[in-house]
Amino acid sequence: MNTKVERNIADFFAEDLVVDFYASIDRCKGEIDCINGNDAKRDQTQAYYDGYGERFDIEQNATRWSEQHESI
């Protein structure tokens, strides 16, 4: 049988996993919107904007690199 402390610890970690799961989904939604060329949606979670911004940076760096090395 679990003690109260053990149950509280288990509840804490379970809640963190759920929050991380939904944050991961939101992050992926942001990345997908950027990949598809869509504008960032309004009123989204910070994870969404983090994913969108990270993908935007990747796309911009890839474009810049290819423009610099086009003549090679």
PDB file of N, CA and C in Angstrom:
ATOM      1  N   MET A   1       0.841  -1.185   0.000  1.00  0.00           N
ATOM      2  CA  MET A   1       0.000   0.000   0.000  1.00  0.00           C
ATOM      3  C   MET A   1       0.886   1.248   0.000  1.00  0.00           C
ATOM      4  N   ASN A   2       0.519   2.222  -0.823  1.00  0.00           N
ATOM      5  CA  ASN A   2       1.283   3.454  -0.924  1.00  0.00           C
ATOM      6  C   ASN A   2       0.945   4.404   0.217  1.00  0.00           C
ATOM      7  N   THR A   3       1.958   5.097   0.669  1.00  0.00           N
ATOM      8  CA  THR A   3       1.737   6.121   1.685  1.00  0.00           C
ATOM      9  C   THR A   3       1.175   7.369   1.008  1.00  0.00           C
ATOM     10  N   LYS A   4       0.722   8.299   1.812  1.00  0.00           N
ATOM     11  CA  LYS A   4       0.181   9.550   1.273  1.00  0.00           C
ATOM     12  C   LYS A   4       1.253  10.305   0.485  1.00  0.00           C
ATOM     13  N   VAL A   5       2.468  10.304   0.991  1.00  0.00           N
ATOM     14  CA  VAL A   5       3.564  10.984   0.304  1.00  0.00           C
ATOM     15  C   VAL A   5       3.817  10.330  -1.057  1.00  0.00           C
ATOM     16  N   GLU A   6       3.840   9.005  -1.083  1.00  0.00           N
ATOM     17  CA  GLU A   6       4.051   8.300  -2.342  1.00  0.00           C
ATOM     18  C   GLU A   6       2.933   8.601  -3.349  1.00  0.00           C
ATOM     19  N   ARG A   7       1.695   8.664  -2.875  1.00  0.00           N
ATOM     20  CA  ARG A   7       0.578   9.004  -3.761  1.00  0.00           C
ATOM     21  C   ARG A   7       0.704  10.431  -4.276  1.00  0.00           C
ATOM     22  N   ASN A   8       1.120  11.356  -3.424  1.00  0.00           N
ATOM     23  CA  ASN A   8       1.299  12.744  -3.857  1.00  0.00           C
ATOM     24  C   ASN A   8       2.399  12.861  -4.910  1.00  0.00           C
ATOM     25  N   ILE A   9       3.475  12.123  -4.699  1.00  0.00           N
ATOM     26  CA  ILE A   9       4.567  12.139  -5.685  1.00  0.00           C
ATOM     27  C   ILE A   9       4.082  11.566  -7.014  1.00  0.00           C
ATOM     28  N   ALA A  10       3.365  10.453  -6.959  1.00  0.00           N
ATOM     29  CA  ALA A  10       2.838   9.831  -8.180  1.00  0.00           C
ATOM     30  C   ALA A  10       1.877  10.778  -8.892  1.00  0.00           C
ATOM     31  N   ASP A  11       1.009  11.457  -8.140  1.00  0.00           N
ATOM     32  CA  ASP A  11       0.073  12.412  -8.737  1.00  0.00           C
ATOM     33  C   ASP A  11       0.818  13.570  -9.380  1.00  0.00           C
ATOM     34  N   PHE A  12       1.850  14.045  -8.719  1.00  0.00           N
ATOM     35  CA  PHE A  12       2.644  15.154  -9.243  1.00  0.00           C
ATOM     36  C   PHE A  12       3.267  14.797 -10.588  1.00  0.00           C
ATOM     37  N   PHE A  13       3.907  13.632 -10.651  1.00  0.00           N
ATOM     38  CA  PHE A  13       4.562  13.235 -11.894  1.00  0.00           C
ATOM     39  C   PHE A  13       3.553  12.918 -12.986  1.00  0.00           C
ATOM     40  N   ALA A  14       2.441  12.340 -12.639  1.00  0.00           N
ATOM     41  CA  ALA A  14       1.407  12.050 -13.634  1.00  0.00           C
ATOM     42  C   ALA A  14       0.884  13.350 -14.241  1.00  0.00           C
ATOM     43  N   GLU A  15       0.671  14.363 -13.417  1.00  0.00           N
ATOM     44  CA  GLU A  15       0.197  15.651 -13.911  1.00  0.00           C
ATOM     45  C   GLU A  15       1.235  16.281 -14.830  1.00  0.00           C
ATOM     46  N   ASP A  16       2.507  16.194 -14.471  1.00  0.00           N
ATOM     47  CA  ASP A  16       3.567  16.729 -15.318  1.00  0.00           C
ATOM     48  C   ASP A  16       3.603  16.034 -16.672  1.00  0.00           C
ATOM     49  N   LEU A  17       3.398  14.720 -16.690  1.00  0.00           N
ATOM     50  CA  LEU A  17       3.406  13.989 -17.952  1.00  0.00           C
ATOM     51  C   LEU A  17       2.252  14.419 -18.835  1.00  0.00           C
ATOM     52  N   VAL A  18       1.091  14.653 -18.257  1.00  0.00           N
ATOM     53  CA  VAL A  18      -0.063  15.105 -19.034  1.00  0.00           C
ATOM     54  C   VAL A  18       0.198  16.491 -19.599  1.00  0.00           C
ATOM     55  N   VAL A  19       0.716  17.396 -18.785  1.00  0.00           N
ATOM     56  CA  VAL A  19       1.022  18.749 -19.241  1.00  0.00           C
ATOM     57  C   VAL A  19       2.068  18.696 -20.345  1.00  0.00           C
ATOM     58  N   ASP A  20       3.121  17.899 -20.168  1.00  0.00           N
ATOM     59  CA  ASP A  20       4.157  17.762 -21.188  1.00  0.00           C
ATOM     60  C   ASP A  20       3.585  17.188 -22.479  1.00  0.00           C
ATOM     61  N   PHE A  21       2.665  16.244 -22.373  1.00  0.00           N
ATOM     62  CA  PHE A  21       2.046  15.630 -23.547  1.00  0.00           C
ATOM     63  C   PHE A  21       1.299  16.679 -24.358  1.00  0.00           C
ATOM     64  N   TYR A  22       0.457  17.469 -23.697  1.00  0.00           N
ATOM     65  CA  TYR A  22      -0.311  18.487 -24.410  1.00  0.00           C
ATOM     66  C   TYR A  22       0.589  19.607 -24.932  1.00  0.00           C
ATOM     67  N   ALA A  23       1.620  19.939 -24.210  1.00  0.00           N
ATOM     68  CA  ALA A  23       2.570  20.946 -24.687  1.00  0.00           C
ATOM     69  C   ALA A  23       3.285  20.442 -25.938  1.00  0.00           C
ATOM     70  N   SER A  24       3.619  19.162 -25.969  1.00  0.00           N
ATOM     71  CA  SER A  24       4.266  18.584 -27.141  1.00  0.00           C
ATOM     72  C   SER A  24       3.347  18.631 -28.359  1.00  0.00           C
ATOM     73  N   ILE A  25       2.085  18.345 -28.148  1.00  0.00           N
ATOM     74  CA  ILE A  25       1.119  18.410 -29.252  1.00  0.00           C
ATOM     75  C   ILE A  25       1.007  19.843 -29.769  1.00  0.00           C
ATOM     76  N   ASP A  26       0.903  20.808 -28.864  1.00  0.00           N
ATOM     77  CA  ASP A  26       0.804  22.205 -29.279  1.00  0.00           C
ATOM     78  C   ASP A  26       2.056  22.647 -30.026  1.00  0.00           C
ATOM     79  N   ARG A  27       3.198  22.207 -29.556  1.00  0.00           N
ATOM     80  CA  ARG A  27       4.462  22.550 -30.218  1.00  0.00           C
ATOM     81  C   ARG A  27       4.469  22.001 -31.648  1.00  0.00           C
ATOM     82  N   CYS A  28       4.032  20.768 -31.806  1.00  0.00           N
ATOM     83  CA  CYS A  28       3.970  20.156 -33.138  1.00  0.00           C
ATOM     84  C   CYS A  28       2.983  20.889 -34.041  1.00  0.00           C
ATOM     85  N   LYS A  29       1.858  21.319 -33.493  1.00  0.00           N
ATOM     86  CA  LYS A  29       0.890  22.082 -34.288  1.00  0.00           C
ATOM     87  C   LYS A  29       1.520  23.363 -34.817  1.00  0.00           C
ATOM     88  N   GLY A  30       2.301  24.028 -33.994  1.00  0.00           N
ATOM     89  CA  GLY A  30       2.983  25.238 -34.426  1.00  0.00           C
ATOM     90  C   GLY A  30       3.986  24.954 -35.532  1.00  0.00           C
ATOM     91  N   GLU A  31       4.753  23.884 -35.370  1.00  0.00           N
ATOM     92  CA  GLU A  31       5.728  23.513 -36.398  1.00  0.00           C
ATOM     93  C   GLU A  31       5.033  23.194 -37.718  1.00  0.00           C
ATOM     94  N   ILE A  32       3.945  22.455 -37.654  1.00  0.00           N
ATOM     95  CA  ILE A  32       3.224  22.062 -38.862  1.00  0.00           C
ATOM     96  C   ILE A  32       2.648  23.283 -39.571  1.00  0.00           C
ATOM     97  N   ASP A  33       2.101  24.216 -38.814  1.00  0.00           N
ATOM     98  CA  ASP A  33       1.578  25.436 -39.437  1.00  0.00           C
ATOM     99  C   ASP A  33       2.683  26.186 -40.170  1.00  0.00           C
ATOM    100  N   CYS A  34       3.843  26.263 -39.589  1.00  0.00           N
ATOM    101  CA  CYS A  34       4.968  26.949 -40.227  1.00  0.00           C
ATOM    102  C   CYS A  34       5.428  26.188 -41.467  1.00  0.00           C
ATOM    103  N   ILE A  35       5.562  24.892 -41.376  1.00  0.00           N
ATOM    104  CA  ILE A  35       5.990  24.069 -42.509  1.00  0.00           C
ATOM    105  C   ILE A  35       5.031  24.236 -43.683  1.00  0.00           C
ATOM    106  N   ASN A  36       3.740  24.297 -43.381  1.00  0.00           N
ATOM    107  CA  ASN A  36       2.732  24.439 -44.434  1.00  0.00           C
ATOM    108  C   ASN A  36       2.586  25.864 -44.940  1.00  0.00           C
ATOM    109  N   GLY A  37       3.363  26.798 -44.386  1.00  0.00           N
ATOM    110  CA  GLY A  37       3.314  28.176 -44.848  1.00  0.00           C
ATOM    111  C   GLY A  37       2.166  28.986 -44.288  1.00  0.00           C
ATOM    112  N   ASN A  38       1.515  28.479 -43.263  1.00  0.00           N
ATOM    113  CA  ASN A  38       0.403  29.197 -42.631  1.00  0.00           C
ATOM    114  C   ASN A  38       0.940  30.234 -41.655  1.00  0.00           C
ATOM    115  N   ASP A  39       0.226  31.328 -41.506  1.00  0.00           N
ATOM    116  CA  ASP A  39       0.563  32.291 -40.470  1.00  0.00           C
ATOM    117  C   ASP A  39       0.317  31.665 -39.107  1.00  0.00           C
ATOM    118  N   ALA A  40       1.045  32.145 -38.107  1.00  0.00           N
ATOM    119  CA  ALA A  40       0.812  31.661 -36.744  1.00  0.00           C
ATOM    120  C   ALA A  40      -0.603  32.042 -36.316  1.00  0.00           C
ATOM    121  N   LYS A  41      -1.283  31.102 -35.704  1.00  0.00           N
ATOM    122  CA  LYS A  41      -2.653  31.348 -35.240  1.00  0.00           C
ATOM    123  C   LYS A  41      -2.640  32.217 -33.996  1.00  0.00           C
ATOM    124  N   ARG A  42      -3.707  32.917 -33.787  1.00  0.00           N
ATOM    125  CA  ARG A  42      -3.838  33.774 -32.609  1.00  0.00           C
ATOM    126  C   ARG A  42      -4.336  32.970 -31.419  1.00  0.00           C
ATOM    127  N   ASP A  43      -4.022  33.470 -30.242  1.00  0.00           N
ATOM    128  CA  ASP A  43      -4.523  32.917 -28.979  1.00  0.00           C
ATOM    129  C   ASP A  43      -4.170  31.445 -28.778  1.00  0.00           C
ATOM    130  N   GLN A  44      -2.913  31.102 -29.047  1.00  0.00           N
ATOM    131  CA  GLN A  44      -2.437  29.737 -28.842  1.00  0.00           C
ATOM    132  C   GLN A  44      -1.552  29.697 -27.598  1.00  0.00           C
ATOM    133  N   THR A  45      -1.150  28.497 -27.234  1.00  0.00           N
ATOM    134  CA  THR A  45      -0.284  28.330 -26.069  1.00  0.00           C
ATOM    135  C   THR A  45       1.140  28.759 -26.411  1.00  0.00           C
ATOM    136  N   GLN A  46       1.939  28.967 -25.388  1.00  0.00           N
ATOM    137  CA  GLN A  46       3.340  29.322 -25.589  1.00  0.00           C
ATOM    138  C   GLN A  46       4.075  28.207 -26.325  1.00  0.00           C
ATOM    139  N   ALA A  47       3.713  26.954 -26.052  1.00  0.00           N
ATOM    140  CA  ALA A  47       4.350  25.822 -26.725  1.00  0.00           C
ATOM    141  C   ALA A  47       4.107  25.890 -28.234  1.00  0.00           C
ATOM    142  N   TYR A  48       2.919  26.285 -28.646  1.00  0.00           N
ATOM    143  CA  TYR A  48       2.601  26.445 -30.068  1.00  0.00           C
ATOM    144  C   TYR A  48       3.546  27.467 -30.700  1.00  0.00           C
ATOM    145  N   TYR A  49       3.665  28.622 -30.052  1.00  0.00           N
ATOM    146  CA  TYR A  49       4.523  29.682 -30.595  1.00  0.00           C
ATOM    147  C   TYR A  49       5.996  29.286 -30.566  1.00  0.00           C
ATOM    148  N   ASP A  50       6.398  28.518 -29.560  1.00  0.00           N
ATOM    149  CA  ASP A  50       7.775  28.022 -29.511  1.00  0.00           C
ATOM    150  C   ASP A  50       8.051  27.106 -30.703  1.00  0.00           C
ATOM    151  N   GLY A  51       7.127  26.201 -30.982  1.00  0.00           N
ATOM    152  CA  GLY A  51       7.278  25.290 -32.112  1.00  0.00           C
ATOM    153  C   GLY A  51       7.286  26.025 -33.438  1.00  0.00           C
ATOM    154  N   TYR A  52       6.387  26.986 -33.574  1.00  0.00           N
ATOM    155  CA  TYR A  52       6.321  27.773 -34.806  1.00  0.00           C
ATOM    156  C   TYR A  52       7.618  28.556 -35.002  1.00  0.00           C
ATOM    157  N   GLY A  53       8.070  29.210 -33.948  1.00  0.00           N
ATOM    158  CA  GLY A  53       9.282  30.010 -34.030  1.00  0.00           C
ATOM    159  C   GLY A  53      10.520  29.189 -34.316  1.00  0.00           C
ATOM    160  N   GLU A  54      10.616  28.033 -33.683  1.00  0.00           N
ATOM    161  CA  GLU A  54      11.773  27.167 -33.916  1.00  0.00           C
ATOM    162  C   GLU A  54      11.816  26.709 -35.373  1.00  0.00           C
ATOM    163  N   ARG A  55      10.675  26.296 -35.892  1.00  0.00           N
ATOM    164  CA  ARG A  55      10.623  25.851 -37.286  1.00  0.00           C
ATOM    165  C   ARG A  55      10.888  27.016 -38.239  1.00  0.00           C
ATOM    166  N   PHE A  56      10.388  28.191 -37.912  1.00  0.00           N
ATOM    167  CA  PHE A  56      10.620  29.369 -38.738  1.00  0.00           C
ATOM    168  C   PHE A  56      12.115  29.648 -38.833  1.00  0.00           C
ATOM    169  N   ASP A  57      12.807  29.574 -37.705  1.00  0.00           N
ATOM    170  CA  ASP A  57      14.263  29.776 -37.696  1.00  0.00           C
ATOM    171  C   ASP A  57      14.973  28.744 -38.569  1.00  0.00           C
ATOM    172  N   ILE A  58      14.559  27.501 -38.473  1.00  0.00           N
ATOM    173  CA  ILE A  58      15.167  26.434 -39.272  1.00  0.00           C
ATOM    174  C   ILE A  58      14.967  26.711 -40.757  1.00  0.00           C
ATOM    175  N   GLU A  59      13.738  27.075 -41.127  1.00  0.00           N
ATOM    176  CA  GLU A  59      13.434  27.353 -42.528  1.00  0.00           C
ATOM    177  C   GLU A  59      14.234  28.550 -43.042  1.00  0.00           C
ATOM    178  N   GLN A  60      14.332  29.595 -42.237  1.00  0.00           N
ATOM    179  CA  GLN A  60      15.073  30.784 -42.659  1.00  0.00           C
ATOM    180  C   GLN A  60      16.556  30.488 -42.813  1.00  0.00           C
ATOM    181  N   ASN A  61      17.110  29.727 -41.885  1.00  0.00           N
ATOM    182  CA  ASN A  61      18.530  29.366 -41.980  1.00  0.00           C
ATOM    183  C   ASN A  61      18.803  28.492 -43.193  1.00  0.00           C
ATOM    184  N   ALA A  62      17.894  27.573 -43.489  1.00  0.00           N
ATOM    185  CA  ALA A  62      18.070  26.704 -44.659  1.00  0.00           C
ATOM    186  C   ALA A  62      18.003  27.525 -45.941  1.00  0.00           C
ATOM    187  N   THR A  63      17.067  28.462 -45.990  1.00  0.00           N
ATOM    188  CA  THR A  63      16.944  29.319 -47.161  1.00  0.00           C
ATOM    189  C   THR A  63      18.192  30.169 -47.333  1.00  0.00           C
ATOM    190  N   ARG A  64      18.654  30.760 -46.252  1.00  0.00           N
ATOM    191  CA  ARG A  64      19.851  31.605 -46.304  1.00  0.00           C
ATOM    192  C   ARG A  64      21.060  30.800 -46.755  1.00  0.00           C
ATOM    193  N   TRP A  65      21.229  29.592 -46.221  1.00  0.00           N
ATOM    194  CA  TRP A  65      22.351  28.742 -46.576  1.00  0.00           C
ATOM    195  C   TRP A  65      22.299  28.395 -48.063  1.00  0.00           C
ATOM    196  N   SER A  66      21.110  28.013 -48.549  1.00  0.00           N
ATOM    197  CA  SER A  66      21.000  27.641 -49.953  1.00  0.00           C
ATOM    198  C   SER A  66      21.242  28.824 -50.878  1.00  0.00           C
ATOM    199  N   GLU A  67      20.848  30.030 -50.468  1.00  0.00           N
ATOM    200  CA  GLU A  67      21.109  31.215 -51.271  1.00  0.00           C
ATOM    201  C   GLU A  67      22.602  31.522 -51.319  1.00  0.00           C
ATOM    202  N   GLN A  68      23.283  31.306 -50.216  1.00  0.00           N
ATOM    203  CA  GLN A  68      24.713  31.569 -50.170  1.00  0.00           C
ATOM    204  C   GLN A  68      25.517  30.574 -50.998  1.00  0.00           C
ATOM    205  N   HIS A  69      25.032  29.362 -51.102  1.00  0.00           N
ATOM    206  CA  HIS A  69      25.778  28.300 -51.771  1.00  0.00           C
ATOM    207  C   HIS A  69      25.192  27.956 -53.145  1.00  0.00           C
ATOM    208  N   GLU A  70      24.336  28.790 -53.648  1.00  0.00           N
ATOM    209  CA  GLU A  70      23.684  28.554 -54.926  1.00  0.00           C
ATOM    210  C   GLU A  70      24.680  28.515 -56.080  1.00  0.00           C
ATOM    211  N   SER A  71      25.657  29.370 -56.026  1.00  0.00           N
ATOM    212  CA  SER A  71      26.593  29.485 -57.133  1.00  0.00           C
ATOM    213  C   SER A  71      27.705  28.429 -57.112  1.00  0.00           C
ATOM    214  N   ILE A  72      27.771  27.669 -56.059  1.00  0.00           N
ATOM    215  CA  ILE A  72      28.852  26.670 -55.937  1.00  0.00           C
ATOM    216  C   ILE A  72      28.535  25.451 -56.772  1.00  0.00           C
TER     217      ILE A  72
END
